[in-house]
Every structure is written in C-alpha cells, then in structure tokens.
C-alpha atoms as a PDB file:
ATOM      1  CA  MET A   1      86.800 181.648 110.051  1.00  0.00           C
ATOM      2  CA  LYS A   2      90.401 181.771 111.325  1.00  0.00           C
ATOM      3  CA  ARG A   3      89.738 179.045 113.932  1.00  0.00           C
ATOM      4  CA  GLN A   4      88.188 176.792 111.244  1.00  0.00           C
ATOM      5  CA  CYS A   5      91.206 177.375 108.990  1.00  0.00           C
ATOM      6  CA  ALA A   6      93.653 176.566 111.770  1.00  0.00           C
ATOM      7  CA  ALA A   7      91.809 173.324 112.388  1.00  0.00           C
ATOM      8  CA  LEU A   8      91.868 172.505 108.698  1.00  0.00           C
ATOM      9  CA  VAL A   9      95.654 172.999 108.666  1.00  0.00           C
ATOM     10  CA  LEU A  10      96.020 170.363 111.322  1.00  0.00           C
ATOM     11  CA  ILE A  11      93.652 167.927 109.563  1.00  0.00           C
ATOM     12  CA  ALA A  12      94.531 168.515 105.892  1.00  0.00           C
ATOM     13  CA  PRO A  13      97.391 170.801 104.909  1.00  0.00           C
ATOM     14  CA  LEU A  14      95.948 171.245 101.393  1.00  0.00           C
ATOM     15  CA  ALA A  15      92.849 172.905 102.892  1.00  0.00           C
ATOM     16  CA  LEU A  16      95.228 175.812 103.700  1.00  0.00           C
ATOM     17  CA  VAL A  17      94.863 177.013 100.104  1.00  0.00           C
ATOM     18  CA  ALA A  18      91.180 177.690 100.732  1.00  0.00           C
ATOM     19  CA  CYS A  19      92.075 179.702 103.819  1.00  0.00           C
ATOM     20  CA  GLY A  20      94.522 181.959 102.011  1.00  0.00           C
ATOM     21  CA  GLY A  21      97.701 180.935 103.863  1.00  0.00           C
ATOM     22  CA  THR A  22     100.749 178.870 103.296  1.00  0.00           C
ATOM     23  CA  THR A  23     103.105 176.819 105.357  1.00  0.00           C
ATOM     24  CA  SER A  24     106.596 175.764 104.473  1.00  0.00           C
ATOM     25  CA  PRO A  25     109.090 173.503 106.109  1.00  0.00           C
ATOM     26  CA  PRO A  26     112.533 175.087 106.411  1.00  0.00           C
ATOM     27  CA  ALA A  27     114.449 175.341 103.091  1.00  0.00           C
ATOM     28  CA  ASP A  28     116.862 172.632 104.271  1.00  0.00           C
ATOM     29  CA  ALA A  29     114.044 170.147 104.987  1.00  0.00           C
ATOM     30  CA  THR A  30     114.323 166.703 103.493  1.00  0.00           C
ATOM     31  CA  HIS A  31     111.521 165.255 101.424  1.00  0.00           C
ATOM     32  CA  GLY A  32     109.285 163.090 103.504  1.00  0.00           C
ATOM     33  CA  GLY A  33     105.594 162.725 104.050  1.00  0.00           C
ATOM     34  CA  SER A  34     105.008 166.473 104.168  1.00  0.00           C
ATOM     35  CA  ALA A  35     105.001 169.036 101.376  1.00  0.00           C
ATOM     36  CA  MET A  36     108.394 170.473 100.672  1.00  0.00           C
ATOM     37  CA  SER A  37     108.989 174.126  99.864  1.00  0.00           C
ATOM     38  CA  VAL A  38     112.130 175.823  98.622  1.00  0.00           C
ATOM     39  CA  ASP A  39     112.720 179.616  98.559  1.00  0.00           C
ATOM     40  CA  VAL A  40     115.042 180.852  95.809  1.00  0.00           C
ATOM     41  CA  PRO A  41     116.429 184.409  95.656  1.00  0.00           C
ATOM     42  CA  LEU A  42     116.928 185.791  92.159  1.00  0.00           C
ATOM     43  CA  ALA A  43     120.192 187.480  91.235  1.00  0.00           C
ATOM     44  CA  ALA A  44     120.395 190.138  88.465  1.00  0.00           C
ATOM     45  CA  LYS A  45     122.087 189.023  85.257  1.00  0.00           C
ATOM     46  CA  SER A  46     123.135 190.631  81.945  1.00  0.00           C
ATOM     47  CA  GLY A  47     123.479 194.076  83.585  1.00  0.00           C
ATOM     48  CA  SER A  48     119.837 194.194  84.703  1.00  0.00           C
ATOM     49  CA  LYS A  49     118.528 195.665  87.930  1.00  0.00           C
ATOM     50  CA  LEU A  50     116.182 192.700  88.558  1.00  0.00           C
ATOM     51  CA  THR A  51     115.500 191.567  92.146  1.00  0.00           C
ATOM     52  CA  GLY A  52     113.043 188.991  93.348  1.00  0.00           C
ATOM     53  CA  ALA A  53     112.425 185.510  94.572  1.00  0.00           C
ATOM     54  CA  ALA A  54     110.712 182.259  93.616  1.00  0.00           C
ATOM     55  CA  THR A  55     109.073 179.690  95.872  1.00  0.00           C
ATOM     56  CA  PHE A  56     108.755 176.078  94.783  1.00  0.00           C
ATOM     57  CA  THR A  57     106.251 173.984  96.764  1.00  0.00           C
ATOM     58  CA  GLU A  58     105.264 170.384  96.146  1.00  0.00           C
ATOM     59  CA  VAL A  59     101.515 169.971  95.674  1.00  0.00           C
ATOM     60  CA  PRO A  60      99.531 166.871  94.672  1.00  0.00           C
ATOM     61  CA  GLY A  61     100.755 165.883  91.182  1.00  0.00           C
ATOM     62  CA  GLY A  62     103.329 168.599  90.734  1.00  0.00           C
ATOM     63  CA  VAL A  63     105.123 171.731  91.975  1.00  0.00           C
ATOM     64  CA  GLN A  64     103.588 175.165  92.528  1.00  0.00           C
ATOM     65  CA  VAL A  65     105.959 177.902  91.430  1.00  0.00           C
ATOM     66  CA  LYS A  66     105.394 181.466  92.655  1.00  0.00           C
ATOM     67  CA  VAL A  67     107.704 184.192  91.322  1.00  0.00           C
ATOM     68  CA  GLN A  68     107.847 187.851  92.338  1.00  0.00           C
ATOM     69  CA  VAL A  69     110.161 190.319  90.623  1.00  0.00           C
ATOM     70  CA  ALA A  70     111.043 194.057  90.663  1.00  0.00           C
ATOM     71  CA  GLY A  71     113.293 196.007  88.339  1.00  0.00           C
ATOM     72  CA  ALA A  72     112.060 194.156  85.221  1.00  0.00           C
ATOM     73  CA  PRO A  73     111.140 195.806  81.895  1.00  0.00           C
ATOM     74  CA  PRO A  74     107.420 196.636  81.646  1.00  0.00           C
ATOM     75  CA  GLY A  75     105.328 194.208  79.570  1.00  0.00           C
ATOM     76  CA  LYS A  76     105.706 190.439  79.738  1.00  0.00           C
ATOM     77  CA  VAL A  77     108.835 188.501  80.604  1.00  0.00           C
ATOM     78  CA  ALA A  78     109.360 184.741  80.365  1.00  0.00           C
ATOM     79  CA  THR A  79     110.246 182.376  83.201  1.00  0.00           C
ATOM     80  CA  HIS A  80     111.753 178.949  82.752  1.00  0.00           C
ATOM     81  CA  VAL A  81     113.379 176.281  84.874  1.00  0.00           C
ATOM     82  CA  HIS A  82     116.727 175.535  83.218  1.00  0.00           C
ATOM     83  CA  GLU A  83     118.709 172.291  83.335  1.00  0.00           C
ATOM     84  CA  ASN A  84     121.780 173.319  85.398  1.00  0.00           C
ATOM     85  CA  GLY A  85     121.872 174.577  88.969  1.00  0.00           C
ATOM     86  CA  ASP A  86     124.501 177.180  88.033  1.00  0.00           C
ATOM     87  CA  CYS A  87     124.035 180.989  87.892  1.00  0.00           C
ATOM     88  CA  SER A  88     127.742 181.837  87.865  1.00  0.00           C
ATOM     89  CA  ALA A  89     127.912 183.295  84.342  1.00  0.00           C
ATOM     90  CA  PRO A  90     127.248 187.065  84.198  1.00  0.00           C
ATOM     91  CA  ASP A  91     124.672 186.443  81.487  1.00  0.00           C
ATOM     92  CA  GLY A  92     123.082 183.349  83.108  1.00  0.00           C
ATOM     93  CA  SER A  93     124.252 181.092  80.315  1.00  0.00           C
ATOM     94  CA  SER A  94     125.721 178.671  82.863  1.00  0.00           C
ATOM     95  CA  ALA A  95     122.158 177.562  83.667  1.00  0.00           C
ATOM     96  CA  GLY A  96     122.019 175.733  80.300  1.00  0.00           C
ATOM     97  CA  GLY A  97     118.846 175.171  78.321  1.00  0.00           C
ATOM     98  CA  HIS A  98     115.273 174.620  79.403  1.00  0.00           C
ATOM     99  CA  PHE A  99     114.700 171.650  81.693  1.00  0.00           C
ATOM    100  CA  ASN A 100     113.099 169.080  79.402  1.00  0.00           C
ATOM    101  CA  PRO A 101     113.463 165.501  80.726  1.00  0.00           C
ATOM    102  CA  GLN A 102     110.643 164.151  78.511  1.00  0.00           C
ATOM    103  CA  GLY A 103     112.013 165.615  75.270  1.00  0.00           C
ATOM    104  CA  HIS A 104     108.796 167.595  74.472  1.00  0.00           C
ATOM    105  CA  PRO A 105     108.754 170.608  72.140  1.00  0.00           C
ATOM    106  CA  HIS A 106     108.712 174.071  73.733  1.00  0.00           C
ATOM    107  CA  ALA A 107     105.213 175.395  74.531  1.00  0.00           C
ATOM    108  CA  LEU A 108     103.414 177.674  76.977  1.00  0.00           C
ATOM    109  CA  PRO A 109     101.308 176.569  79.904  1.00  0.00           C
ATOM    110  CA  PRO A 110      98.766 175.052  80.079  1.00  0.00           C
ATOM    111  CA  ALA A 111      99.889 172.830  77.179  1.00  0.00           C
ATOM    112  CA  ALA A 112     100.569 169.341  78.559  1.00  0.00           C
ATOM    113  CA  ASP A 113     103.308 168.580  75.965  1.00  0.00           C
ATOM    114  CA  ARG A 114     105.920 171.208  76.751  1.00  0.00           C
ATOM    115  CA  HIS A 115     109.303 171.399  78.437  1.00  0.00           C
ATOM    116  CA  LEU A 116     108.809 170.644  82.078  1.00  0.00           C
ATOM    117  CA  GLY A 117     110.601 173.936  82.726  1.00  0.00           C
ATOM    118  CA  ASP A 118     108.287 176.125  80.628  1.00  0.00           C
ATOM    119  CA  LEU A 119     106.587 178.344  83.211  1.00  0.00           C
ATOM    120  CA  GLY A 120     105.022 180.968  80.961  1.00  0.00           C
ATOM    121  CA  ASN A 121     105.191 184.757  81.297  1.00  0.00           C
ATOM    122  CA  ILE A 122     104.967 187.301  84.092  1.00  0.00           C
ATOM    123  CA  ASP A 123     102.956 190.493  83.464  1.00  0.00           C
ATOM    124  CA  ILE A 124     105.246 193.371  84.531  1.00  0.00           C
ATOM    125  CA  GLY A 125     103.645 196.664  85.427  1.00  0.00           C
ATOM    126  CA  PRO A 126     104.941 200.163  84.565  1.00  0.00           C
ATOM    127  CA  ASP A 127     106.748 200.182  87.913  1.00  0.00           C
ATOM    128  CA  GLY A 128     108.796 197.088  86.948  1.00  0.00           C
ATOM    129  CA  THR A 129     107.106 194.683  89.350  1.00  0.00           C
ATOM    130  CA  GLY A 130     105.122 191.526  88.638  1.00  0.00           C
ATOM    131  CA  SER A 131     104.341 188.072  89.904  1.00  0.00           C
ATOM    132  CA  THR A 132     103.139 184.702  88.671  1.00  0.00           C
ATOM    133  CA  ASP A 133     101.770 181.549  90.223  1.00  0.00           C
ATOM    134  CA  VAL A 134     101.749 178.342  88.173  1.00  0.00           C
ATOM    135  CA  VAL A 135     101.482 174.632  88.969  1.00  0.00           C
ATOM    136  CA  VAL A 136     103.787 172.390  86.940  1.00  0.00           C
ATOM    137  CA  LEU A 137     102.183 168.951  86.764  1.00  0.00           C
ATOM    138  CA  GLY A 138     104.663 166.046  86.708  1.00  0.00           C
ATOM    139  CA  ALA A 139     107.491 168.022  88.425  1.00  0.00           C
ATOM    140  CA  ASN A 140     108.659 167.357  91.991  1.00  0.00           C
ATOM    141  CA  LEU A 141     111.316 168.362  94.547  1.00  0.00           C
ATOM    142  CA  LYS A 142     112.818 164.914  95.206  1.00  0.00           C
ATOM    143  CA  GLU A 143     116.600 164.571  95.257  1.00  0.00           C
ATOM    144  CA  GLY A 144     117.797 162.528  92.287  1.00  0.00           C
ATOM    145  CA  ASP A 145     114.433 162.166  90.579  1.00  0.00           C
ATOM    146  CA  PRO A 146     114.600 162.774  86.805  1.00  0.00           C
ATOM    147  CA  ALA A 147     111.563 165.211  87.010  1.00  0.00           C
ATOM    148  CA  SER A 148     112.926 167.122  90.009  1.00  0.00           C
ATOM    149  CA  PHE A 149     113.417 170.866  89.976  1.00  0.00           C
ATOM    150  CA  LEU A 150     116.103 170.489  92.680  1.00  0.00           C
ATOM    151  CA  GLY A 151     119.570 171.141  91.339  1.00  0.00           C
ATOM    152  CA  ARG A 152     118.185 173.259  88.494  1.00  0.00           C
ATOM    153  CA  SER A 153     117.939 177.038  88.012  1.00  0.00           C
ATOM    154  CA  ILE A 154     115.049 179.426  87.450  1.00  0.00           C
ATOM    155  CA  ILE A 155     115.644 182.064  84.810  1.00  0.00           C
ATOM    156  CA  VAL A 156     113.723 185.301  84.183  1.00  0.00           C
ATOM    157  CA  HIS A 157     114.195 186.496  80.568  1.00  0.00           C
ATOM    158  CA  GLU A 158     114.156 190.001  79.148  1.00  0.00           C
ATOM    159  CA  LYS A 159     111.261 189.387  76.741  1.00  0.00           C
ATOM    160  CA  GLN A 160     107.956 187.564  76.429  1.00  0.00           C
ATOM    161  CA  ASP A 161     107.920 183.840  75.632  1.00  0.00           C
ATOM    162  CA  ASP A 162     105.985 183.676  72.387  1.00  0.00           C
ATOM    163  CA  GLY A 163     105.718 179.901  72.364  1.00  0.00           C
ATOM    164  CA  GLY A 164     108.027 179.589  69.327  1.00  0.00           C
ATOM    165  CA  GLN A 165     110.616 176.853  68.789  1.00  0.00           C
ATOM    166  CA  PRO A 166     112.984 175.893  70.185  1.00  0.00           C
ATOM    167  CA  SER A 167     112.776 178.037  73.338  1.00  0.00           C
ATOM    168  CA  GLY A 168     110.239 180.839  72.956  1.00  0.00           C
ATOM    169  CA  ASN A 169     112.335 183.702  71.595  1.00  0.00           C
ATOM    170  CA  ALA A 170     112.461 185.220  75.090  1.00  0.00           C
ATOM    171  CA  GLY A 171     115.834 186.986  74.721  1.00  0.00           C
ATOM    172  CA  GLY A 172     118.538 187.449  77.307  1.00  0.00           C
ATOM    173  CA  ARG A 173     118.571 186.200  80.866  1.00  0.00           C
ATOM    174  CA  ILE A 174     118.046 189.028  83.324  1.00  0.00           C
ATOM    175  CA  GLY A 175     117.548 187.033  86.527  1.00  0.00           C
ATOM    176  CA  CYS A 176     118.783 183.650  87.854  1.00  0.00           C
ATOM    177  CA  GLY A 177     118.384 181.572  90.997  1.00  0.00           C
ATOM    178  CA  VAL A 178     119.582 178.055  91.903  1.00  0.00           C
ATOM    179  CA  ILE A 179     116.861 175.718  93.164  1.00  0.00           C
ATOM    180  CA  THR A 180     118.516 174.020  96.108  1.00  0.00           C
ATOM    181  CA  THR A 181     117.737 173.023  99.665  1.00  0.00           C
ATOM    182  CA  HIS A 182     121.252 174.041 100.698  1.00  0.00           C
ATOM    183  CA  LYS A 183     122.078 177.627 101.524  1.00  0.00           C
END
C-alpha cells in the first residue's frame, strides 16, 4: 500500500489524504501551482497555560485548518480566525474581531452563511488536550486576496461558541497565533 500511495503523491497530491499522509511546502513558500501550507504556533493569552499549533493548508475550494492544543480548560473551546495579524496584547484583543469579509452573521460550521473565520469548537479532554480539523470553503492563503487567512490571527477562546450573535459568547482569548508565511 505504501508504494501505491507514494505513486499517488507524484500523480495527484490530493490522493495523499486517502493514504493518511500530508505534505507541506516550507512555511515561507509563495503561492503558486502547488498547495500552500502555513504552520502557526499558538501563544498563551489572558494568563492561560495554553500551548499548541495550527496548520492552514489550501485544498480545492478552501483552506483546511487543523488545530492542536494543550493546557486548555476541559469541555469545548471556540476557535476563530480574527481580522488582524496581531497577537501583541496580553489578552489577544489586538487580533480584532472575527474575520468576516462577506458581512455574514455569526454561525457555526457547517452553516454556509457565517463569518469566514468561524471555525467551530474543539473538544478538550480532562487532560486539557484537544484537536480539530475543519475545511473553510471560500477561504484561501493568497497574499492580498480579500478572502485570505494570511495576515490574520487564529484565536482559541476560553469557552464554547454557542452560535449566538454577534460572536458566539465564547469568552476570553486564551491562545493566539499570527497566520503568516514570514517567521
């Protein structure tokens, strides 16, 4: 099976999903004919002990977002892409509001009419760890594109996103990472 998967990678990179692997150009790669992937470390905010990382990968029609965290409160915590690529504030407020270039109301995936940055919730276990994997249709990683996640931030919140208006009642910001191809 591994030989077949290796051949598929050379023929059709998207077949890699079926083989259980991933490939990523370097984080400083420019967008071209191949899929772009950006790794984003998460920094603790608001006095939390959160650690983790997010990976953004262009896929046909959108961006796959994988997030892994540790040191989070057990239960569910919200994740969103926010409008500013700035995590300098101790409480993460410098990241601004949810990324919403189409002006949609807030909603949870898989609703089509939602903020482009609404990623849903991560289930956090009793040990404080959790992960999520969501595809955001309509998003991309193209420099200067209005629907691009580049130059934005990913925020992990302290509470569950309940889908309410205007931003899901998810509470404080306990993790932040800038989505950039520059280190």
